[in-house]
Amino acid sequence: MRSSPTATSMEVVSMATLTPAYGRDYKSQAEVEADFRAGKDFILNDFMSQWDGKPCSIRDFPAGTQITLRYKKKSNVIIVTI
């Protein structure tokens, strides 16, 4: 069982940056957004958070949160709102 943030613990987050988990990478913003919305795991990148470096997914954030997803070897970004 993984230890990840839950919607209640992430309620104060209004914006987050995530990178693909488990060695995945994406070549297009359509691919990364589709997997994020499908509930695949991503890694939270926020050194001010107790959850930095931990896996999380769309289920862990409340509606209205803006998420920055990094892809293409972390060189490109897309911002999505849940």
Protein backbone atom coordinates (compact mmCIF):
# COMPACT_ATOMS: atom_id res chain seq x y z
CA MET A 1 0.00 0.00 0.00
CA ARG A 2 1.41 3.38 -0.92
CA SER A 3 1.42 6.34 1.38
CA SER A 4 0.14 9.29 -0.60
CA PRO A 5 -1.68 12.50 0.04
CA THR A 6 -5.43 12.39 0.25
CA ALA A 7 -7.97 14.98 -0.83
CA THR A 8 -8.35 16.11 2.77
CA SER A 9 -4.60 16.54 3.30
CA MET A 10 -4.19 18.36 -0.01
CA GLU A 11 -7.09 20.80 0.41
CA VAL A 12 -4.74 23.72 1.07
CA VAL A 13 -2.96 23.12 -2.22
CA SER A 14 -4.24 25.34 -5.02
CA MET A 15 -1.37 24.62 -7.41
CA ALA A 16 1.06 21.71 -7.76
CA THR A 17 3.81 20.50 -10.09
CA LEU A 18 3.88 16.81 -10.99
CA THR A 19 6.21 14.59 -13.03
CA PRO A 20 5.42 11.12 -14.37
CA ALA A 21 6.08 8.25 -11.94
CA TYR A 22 7.80 4.89 -12.43
CA GLY A 23 10.06 6.04 -15.28
CA ARG A 24 7.25 7.04 -17.62
CA ASP A 25 7.68 9.96 -20.00
CA TYR A 26 5.40 11.51 -22.60
CA LYS A 27 6.02 13.06 -26.00
CA SER A 28 2.86 15.17 -26.19
CA GLN A 29 0.66 17.16 -23.88
CA ALA A 30 -2.36 15.12 -24.99
CA GLU A 31 -0.69 11.91 -23.74
CA VAL A 32 0.32 13.31 -20.35
CA GLU A 33 -3.08 14.92 -19.74
CA ALA A 34 -4.94 11.74 -20.74
CA ASP A 35 -2.94 9.60 -18.30
CA PHE A 36 -3.28 12.17 -15.51
CA ARG A 37 -7.06 12.32 -15.96
CA ALA A 38 -7.15 8.49 -16.12
CA GLY A 39 -5.71 8.38 -12.59
CA LYS A 40 -2.14 7.25 -13.29
CA ASP A 41 0.46 8.06 -10.63
CA PHE A 42 2.68 11.12 -10.83
CA ILE A 43 5.33 12.42 -8.42
CA LEU A 44 4.65 15.60 -6.45
CA ASN A 45 7.49 18.14 -6.79
CA ASP A 46 7.13 20.62 -3.95
CA PHE A 47 10.01 20.85 -1.49
CA MET A 48 7.79 22.79 0.94
CA SER A 49 5.32 19.89 1.17
CA GLN A 50 5.58 16.85 3.39
CA TRP A 51 4.48 14.89 0.31
CA ASP A 52 7.41 15.99 -1.90
CA GLY A 53 8.66 13.06 -3.97
CA LYS A 54 5.64 10.89 -3.19
CA PRO A 55 3.27 9.37 -5.75
CA CYS A 56 -0.13 10.97 -6.19
CA SER A 57 -2.92 11.10 -8.77
CA ILE A 58 -5.89 13.21 -9.77
CA ARG A 59 -7.90 11.60 -6.94
CA ASP A 60 -5.63 13.26 -4.37
CA PHE A 61 -6.52 16.86 -5.27
CA PRO A 62 -9.74 18.80 -4.77
CA ALA A 63 -11.66 20.31 -7.68
CA GLY A 64 -10.29 23.66 -8.81
CA THR A 65 -6.63 22.79 -8.20
CA GLN A 66 -4.26 23.88 -10.96
CA ILE A 67 -1.73 21.19 -11.80
CA THR A 68 1.47 21.73 -13.77
CA LEU A 69 2.44 18.49 -15.52
CA ARG A 70 6.00 18.14 -16.78
CA TYR A 71 6.73 15.88 -19.76
CA LYS A 72 9.21 15.35 -22.61
CA LYS A 73 12.12 14.70 -20.23
CA LYS A 74 10.75 17.42 -17.91
CA SER A 75 11.43 20.12 -20.54
CA ASN A 76 7.80 20.94 -21.41
CA VAL A 77 4.82 21.73 -19.22
CA ILE A 78 1.05 21.78 -19.45
CA ILE A 79 -1.23 23.36 -16.87
CA VAL A 80 -4.54 21.64 -16.23
CA THR A 81 -7.33 22.48 -13.81
CA ILE A 82 -9.11 19.64 -12.09
